[in-house]
Amino acid sequence: MVKLPTTSGKNDTEEFDRFKDFARRVVRVPHSQIKAHLDAEKETKRTARSSSSRVSGASSKRVG
């Protein structure tokens, strides 16, 4: 029979306490702040895509 390693309850409690602290910090961030950050990130990606598509489109044109 295989013996499984035992874990101490203290380690589990510490890990759960760290998780609870992290969750509390996440919940404290206002929705408006998160939305503003996501909107800024979207805009950055949108401008990067549009500038890269212009460059790739210009190089693929044929001169006839």
PDB file of N, CA and C in Angstrom:
ATOM      1  N   MET A   1       0.831  -1.176   0.000  1.00  0.00           N
ATOM      2  CA  MET A   1       0.000   0.000   0.000  1.00  0.00           C
ATOM      3  C   MET A   1       0.884   1.252   0.000  1.00  0.00           C
ATOM      4  N   VAL A   2       0.474   2.273  -0.744  1.00  0.00           N
ATOM      5  CA  VAL A   2       1.241   3.509  -0.871  1.00  0.00           C
ATOM      6  C   VAL A   2       0.831   4.467   0.239  1.00  0.00           C
ATOM      7  N   LYS A   3       1.827   5.015   0.905  1.00  0.00           N
ATOM      8  CA  LYS A   3       1.541   6.005   1.944  1.00  0.00           C
ATOM      9  C   LYS A   3       1.564   7.395   1.328  1.00  0.00           C
ATOM     10  N   LEU A   4       0.501   8.134   1.503  1.00  0.00           N
ATOM     11  CA  LEU A   4       0.433   9.496   0.999  1.00  0.00           C
ATOM     12  C   LEU A   4       1.032  10.452   2.014  1.00  0.00           C
ATOM     13  N   PRO A   5       1.707  11.480   1.548  1.00  0.00           N
ATOM     14  CA  PRO A   5       2.278  12.445   2.492  1.00  0.00           C
ATOM     15  C   PRO A   5       1.145  13.202   3.191  1.00  0.00           C
ATOM     16  N   THR A   6       1.355  13.436   4.454  1.00  0.00           N
ATOM     17  CA  THR A   6       0.347  14.178   5.207  1.00  0.00           C
ATOM     18  C   THR A   6       0.712  15.651   5.202  1.00  0.00           C
ATOM     19  N   THR A   7      -0.292  16.496   5.194  1.00  0.00           N
ATOM     20  CA  THR A   7      -0.055  17.933   5.251  1.00  0.00           C
ATOM     21  C   THR A   7      -0.512  18.447   6.599  1.00  0.00           C
ATOM     22  N   SER A   8       0.179  19.443   7.062  1.00  0.00           N
ATOM     23  CA  SER A   8      -0.195  20.004   8.351  1.00  0.00           C
ATOM     24  C   SER A   8      -1.346  20.979   8.163  1.00  0.00           C
ATOM     25  N   GLY A   9      -2.215  21.069   9.113  1.00  0.00           N
ATOM     26  CA  GLY A   9      -3.325  21.998   9.051  1.00  0.00           C
ATOM     27  C   GLY A   9      -2.861  23.439   9.073  1.00  0.00           C
ATOM     28  N   LYS A  10      -1.725  23.681   9.673  1.00  0.00           N
ATOM     29  CA  LYS A  10      -1.199  25.044   9.770  1.00  0.00           C
ATOM     30  C   LYS A  10      -0.883  25.587   8.386  1.00  0.00           C
ATOM     31  N   ASN A  11      -0.261  24.801   7.529  1.00  0.00           N
ATOM     32  CA  ASN A  11       0.092  25.241   6.193  1.00  0.00           C
ATOM     33  C   ASN A  11      -1.166  25.568   5.395  1.00  0.00           C
ATOM     34  N   ASP A  12      -2.186  24.729   5.501  1.00  0.00           N
ATOM     35  CA  ASP A  12      -3.441  24.976   4.798  1.00  0.00           C
ATOM     36  C   ASP A  12      -4.087  26.268   5.282  1.00  0.00           C
ATOM     37  N   THR A  13      -4.040  26.496   6.573  1.00  0.00           N
ATOM     38  CA  THR A  13      -4.638  27.701   7.147  1.00  0.00           C
ATOM     39  C   THR A  13      -3.896  28.941   6.667  1.00  0.00           C
ATOM     40  N   GLU A  14      -2.575  28.886   6.651  1.00  0.00           N
ATOM     41  CA  GLU A  14      -1.792  30.030   6.176  1.00  0.00           C
ATOM     42  C   GLU A  14      -2.094  30.318   4.715  1.00  0.00           C
ATOM     43  N   GLU A  15      -2.195  29.265   3.909  1.00  0.00           N
ATOM     44  CA  GLU A  15      -2.471  29.449   2.488  1.00  0.00           C
ATOM     45  C   GLU A  15      -3.858  30.064   2.291  1.00  0.00           C
ATOM     46  N   PHE A  16      -4.841  29.587   3.051  1.00  0.00           N
ATOM     47  CA  PHE A  16      -6.188  30.127   2.945  1.00  0.00           C
ATOM     48  C   PHE A  16      -6.229  31.580   3.408  1.00  0.00           C
ATOM     49  N   ASP A  17      -5.482  31.904   4.455  1.00  0.00           N
ATOM     50  CA  ASP A  17      -5.432  33.290   4.931  1.00  0.00           C
ATOM     51  C   ASP A  17      -4.824  34.212   3.873  1.00  0.00           C
ATOM     52  N   ARG A  18      -3.786  33.739   3.175  1.00  0.00           N
ATOM     53  CA  ARG A  18      -3.209  34.538   2.093  1.00  0.00           C
ATOM     54  C   ARG A  18      -4.215  34.738   0.968  1.00  0.00           C
ATOM     55  N   PHE A  19      -4.986  33.688   0.658  1.00  0.00           N
ATOM     56  CA  PHE A  19      -6.014  33.794  -0.373  1.00  0.00           C
ATOM     57  C   PHE A  19      -7.083  34.804   0.036  1.00  0.00           C
ATOM     58  N   LYS A  20      -7.522  34.746   1.294  1.00  0.00           N
ATOM     59  CA  LYS A  20      -8.543  35.686   1.770  1.00  0.00           C
ATOM     60  C   LYS A  20      -8.044  37.121   1.691  1.00  0.00           C
ATOM     61  N   ASP A  21      -6.797  37.351   2.072  1.00  0.00           N
ATOM     62  CA  ASP A  21      -6.226  38.696   1.999  1.00  0.00           C
ATOM     63  C   ASP A  21      -6.182  39.189   0.559  1.00  0.00           C
ATOM     64  N   PHE A  22      -5.778  38.304  -0.355  1.00  0.00           N
ATOM     65  CA  PHE A  22      -5.738  38.667  -1.772  1.00  0.00           C
ATOM     66  C   PHE A  22      -7.140  38.995  -2.278  1.00  0.00           C
ATOM     67  N   ALA A  23      -8.110  38.173  -1.931  1.00  0.00           N
ATOM     68  CA  ALA A  23      -9.490  38.397  -2.377  1.00  0.00           C
ATOM     69  C   ALA A  23     -10.018  39.726  -1.848  1.00  0.00           C
ATOM     70  N   ARG A  24      -9.705  40.053  -0.620  1.00  0.00           N
ATOM     71  CA  ARG A  24     -10.152  41.337  -0.047  1.00  0.00           C
ATOM     72  C   ARG A  24      -9.556  42.516  -0.821  1.00  0.00           C
ATOM     73  N   ARG A  25      -8.278  42.404  -1.188  1.00  0.00           N
ATOM     74  CA  ARG A  25      -7.639  43.486  -1.949  1.00  0.00           C
ATOM     75  C   ARG A  25      -8.270  43.631  -3.329  1.00  0.00           C
ATOM     76  N   VAL A  26      -8.619  42.522  -3.950  1.00  0.00           N
ATOM     77  CA  VAL A  26      -9.246  42.576  -5.275  1.00  0.00           C
ATOM     78  C   VAL A  26     -10.608  43.248  -5.193  1.00  0.00           C
ATOM     79  N   VAL A  27     -11.381  42.898  -4.191  1.00  0.00           N
ATOM     80  CA  VAL A  27     -12.735  43.438  -4.058  1.00  0.00           C
ATOM     81  C   VAL A  27     -12.709  44.930  -3.735  1.00  0.00           C
ATOM     82  N   ARG A  28     -11.666  45.401  -3.123  1.00  0.00           N
ATOM     83  CA  ARG A  28     -11.573  46.816  -2.753  1.00  0.00           C
ATOM     84  C   ARG A  28     -11.364  47.742  -3.948  1.00  0.00           C
ATOM     85  N   VAL A  29     -10.902  47.219  -5.073  1.00  0.00           N
ATOM     86  CA  VAL A  29     -10.644  48.050  -6.241  1.00  0.00           C
ATOM     87  C   VAL A  29     -11.982  48.446  -6.861  1.00  0.00           C
ATOM     88  N   PRO A  30     -12.232  49.740  -7.053  1.00  0.00           N
ATOM     89  CA  PRO A  30     -13.507  50.174  -7.622  1.00  0.00           C
ATOM     90  C   PRO A  30     -13.661  49.710  -9.075  1.00  0.00           C
ATOM     91  N   HIS A  31     -14.889  49.398  -9.441  1.00  0.00           N
ATOM     92  CA  HIS A  31     -15.191  48.942 -10.796  1.00  0.00           C
ATOM     93  C   HIS A  31     -14.756  49.974 -11.830  1.00  0.00           C
ATOM     94  N   SER A  32     -14.953  51.245 -11.532  1.00  0.00           N
ATOM     95  CA  SER A  32     -14.603  52.297 -12.482  1.00  0.00           C
ATOM     96  C   SER A  32     -13.101  52.297 -12.791  1.00  0.00           C
ATOM     97  N   GLN A  33     -12.292  52.012 -11.791  1.00  0.00           N
ATOM     98  CA  GLN A  33     -10.845  51.975 -11.995  1.00  0.00           C
ATOM     99  C   GLN A  33     -10.459  50.788 -12.885  1.00  0.00           C
ATOM    100  N   ILE A  34     -11.079  49.637 -12.659  1.00  0.00           N
ATOM    101  CA  ILE A  34     -10.801  48.466 -13.479  1.00  0.00           C
ATOM    102  C   ILE A  34     -11.237  48.716 -14.912  1.00  0.00           C
ATOM    103  N   LYS A  35     -12.439  49.294 -15.088  1.00  0.00           N
ATOM    104  CA  LYS A  35     -12.959  49.564 -16.429  1.00  0.00           C
ATOM    105  C   LYS A  35     -12.067  50.557 -17.167  1.00  0.00           C
ATOM    106  N   ALA A  36     -11.606  51.583 -16.494  1.00  0.00           N
ATOM    107  CA  ALA A  36     -10.732  52.564 -17.131  1.00  0.00           C
ATOM    108  C   ALA A  36      -9.440  51.905 -17.607  1.00  0.00           C
ATOM    109  N   HIS A  37      -8.896  51.023 -16.793  1.00  0.00           N
ATOM    110  CA  HIS A  37      -7.664  50.334 -17.168  1.00  0.00           C
ATOM    111  C   HIS A  37      -7.903  49.427 -18.380  1.00  0.00           C
ATOM    112  N   LEU A  38      -9.008  48.691 -18.381  1.00  0.00           N
ATOM    113  CA  LEU A  38      -9.314  47.806 -19.506  1.00  0.00           C
ATOM    114  C   LEU A  38      -9.571  48.596 -20.783  1.00  0.00           C
ATOM    115  N   ASP A  39     -10.268  49.721 -20.673  1.00  0.00           N
ATOM    116  CA  ASP A  39     -10.532  50.557 -21.850  1.00  0.00           C
ATOM    117  C   ASP A  39      -9.236  51.107 -22.432  1.00  0.00           C
ATOM    118  N   ALA A  40      -8.328  51.520 -21.573  1.00  0.00           N
ATOM    119  CA  ALA A  40      -7.040  52.030 -22.042  1.00  0.00           C
ATOM    120  C   ALA A  40      -6.252  50.924 -22.743  1.00  0.00           C
ATOM    121  N   GLU A  41      -6.308  49.721 -22.199  1.00  0.00           N
ATOM    122  CA  GLU A  41      -5.616  48.590 -22.801  1.00  0.00           C
ATOM    123  C   GLU A  41      -6.215  48.247 -24.169  1.00  0.00           C
ATOM    124  N   LYS A  42      -7.544  48.292 -24.276  1.00  0.00           N
ATOM    125  CA  LYS A  42      -8.205  48.035 -25.561  1.00  0.00           C
ATOM    126  C   LYS A  42      -7.777  49.056 -26.605  1.00  0.00           C
ATOM    127  N   GLU A  43      -7.737  50.311 -26.200  1.00  0.00           N
ATOM    128  CA  GLU A  43      -7.357  51.377 -27.127  1.00  0.00           C
ATOM    129  C   GLU A  43      -5.925  51.189 -27.608  1.00  0.00           C
ATOM    130  N   THR A  44      -5.043  50.797 -26.713  1.00  0.00           N
ATOM    131  CA  THR A  44      -3.651  50.553 -27.083  1.00  0.00           C
ATOM    132  C   THR A  44      -3.566  49.421 -28.097  1.00  0.00           C
ATOM    133  N   LYS A  45      -4.302  48.348 -27.864  1.00  0.00           N
ATOM    134  CA  LYS A  45      -4.293  47.221 -28.796  1.00  0.00           C
ATOM    135  C   LYS A  45      -4.900  47.616 -30.136  1.00  0.00           C
ATOM    136  N   ARG A  46      -5.963  48.414 -30.098  1.00  0.00           N
ATOM    137  CA  ARG A  46      -6.633  48.837 -31.324  1.00  0.00           C
ATOM    138  C   ARG A  46      -5.699  49.684 -32.182  1.00  0.00           C
ATOM    139  N   THR A  47      -4.985  50.611 -31.574  1.00  0.00           N
ATOM    140  CA  THR A  47      -4.071  51.457 -32.341  1.00  0.00           C
ATOM    141  C   THR A  47      -2.884  50.649 -32.856  1.00  0.00           C
ATOM    142  N   ALA A  48      -2.435  49.670 -32.102  1.00  0.00           N
ATOM    143  CA  ALA A  48      -1.324  48.826 -32.543  1.00  0.00           C
ATOM    144  C   ALA A  48      -1.758  47.987 -33.741  1.00  0.00           C
ATOM    145  N   ARG A  49      -2.975  47.460 -33.706  1.00  0.00           N
ATOM    146  CA  ARG A  49      -3.478  46.658 -34.814  1.00  0.00           C
ATOM    147  C   ARG A  49      -3.646  47.494 -36.068  1.00  0.00           C
ATOM    148  N   SER A  50      -4.212  48.693 -35.919  1.00  0.00           N
ATOM    149  CA  SER A  50      -4.469  49.509 -37.096  1.00  0.00           C
ATOM    150  C   SER A  50      -3.158  49.986 -37.731  1.00  0.00           C
ATOM    151  N   SER A  51      -2.160  50.307 -36.940  1.00  0.00           N
ATOM    152  CA  SER A  51      -0.880  50.740 -37.508  1.00  0.00           C
ATOM    153  C   SER A  51      -0.147  49.574 -38.149  1.00  0.00           C
ATOM    154  N   SER A  52      -0.258  48.384 -37.573  1.00  0.00           N
ATOM    155  CA  SER A  52       0.415  47.221 -38.168  1.00  0.00           C
ATOM    156  C   SER A  52      -0.302  46.790 -39.442  1.00  0.00           C
ATOM    157  N   SER A  53      -1.618  46.957 -39.507  1.00  0.00           N
ATOM    158  CA  SER A  53      -2.326  46.568 -40.728  1.00  0.00           C
ATOM    159  C   SER A  53      -2.002  47.535 -41.859  1.00  0.00           C
ATOM    160  N   ARG A  54      -1.772  48.805 -41.545  1.00  0.00           N
ATOM    161  CA  ARG A  54      -1.382  49.769 -42.581  1.00  0.00           C
ATOM    162  C   ARG A  54      -0.017  49.411 -43.166  1.00  0.00           C
ATOM    163  N   VAL A  55       0.900  49.019 -42.322  1.00  0.00           N
ATOM    164  CA  VAL A  55       2.245  48.677 -42.781  1.00  0.00           C
ATOM    165  C   VAL A  55       2.191  47.410 -43.623  1.00  0.00           C
ATOM    166  N   SER A  56       1.490  46.396 -43.170  1.00  0.00           N
ATOM    167  CA  SER A  56       1.445  45.152 -43.926  1.00  0.00           C
ATOM    168  C   SER A  56       0.659  45.330 -45.221  1.00  0.00           C
ATOM    169  N   GLY A  57      -0.357  46.187 -45.224  1.00  0.00           N
ATOM    170  CA  GLY A  57      -1.134  46.438 -46.431  1.00  0.00           C
ATOM    171  C   GLY A  57      -0.319  47.165 -47.482  1.00  0.00           C
ATOM    172  N   ALA A  58       0.535  48.054 -47.073  1.00  0.00           N
ATOM    173  CA  ALA A  58       1.345  48.827 -48.019  1.00  0.00           C
ATOM    174  C   ALA A  58       2.383  47.931 -48.696  1.00  0.00           C
ATOM    175  N   SER A  59       2.930  46.987 -47.996  1.00  0.00           N
ATOM    176  CA  SER A  59       3.959  46.133 -48.574  1.00  0.00           C
ATOM    177  C   SER A  59       3.377  45.057 -49.492  1.00  0.00           C
ATOM    178  N   SER A  60       2.072  44.781 -49.381  1.00  0.00           N
ATOM    179  CA  SER A  60       1.492  43.726 -50.195  1.00  0.00           C
ATOM    180  C   SER A  60       0.898  44.243 -51.510  1.00  0.00           C
ATOM    181  N   LYS A  61       0.922  45.534 -51.748  1.00  0.00           N
ATOM    182  CA  LYS A  61       0.362  46.094 -52.971  1.00  0.00           C
ATOM    183  C   LYS A  61       1.303  45.841 -54.139  1.00  0.00           C
ATOM    184  N   ARG A  62       0.701  45.552 -55.279  1.00  0.00           N
ATOM    185  CA  ARG A  62       1.505  45.340 -56.496  1.00  0.00           C
ATOM    186  C   ARG A  62       1.681  46.637 -57.247  1.00  0.00           C
ATOM    187  N   VAL A  63       2.797  46.775 -57.866  1.00  0.00           N
ATOM    188  CA  VAL A  63       3.035  47.933 -58.722  1.00  0.00           C
ATOM    189  C   VAL A  63       2.911  47.416 -60.148  1.00  0.00           C
ATOM    190  N   GLY A  64       1.976  47.984 -60.902  1.00  0.00           N
ATOM    191  CA  GLY A  64       1.703  47.397 -62.200  1.00  0.00           C
ATOM    192  C   GLY A  64       1.954  48.222 -63.329  1.00  0.00           C
TER     193      GLY A  64
END
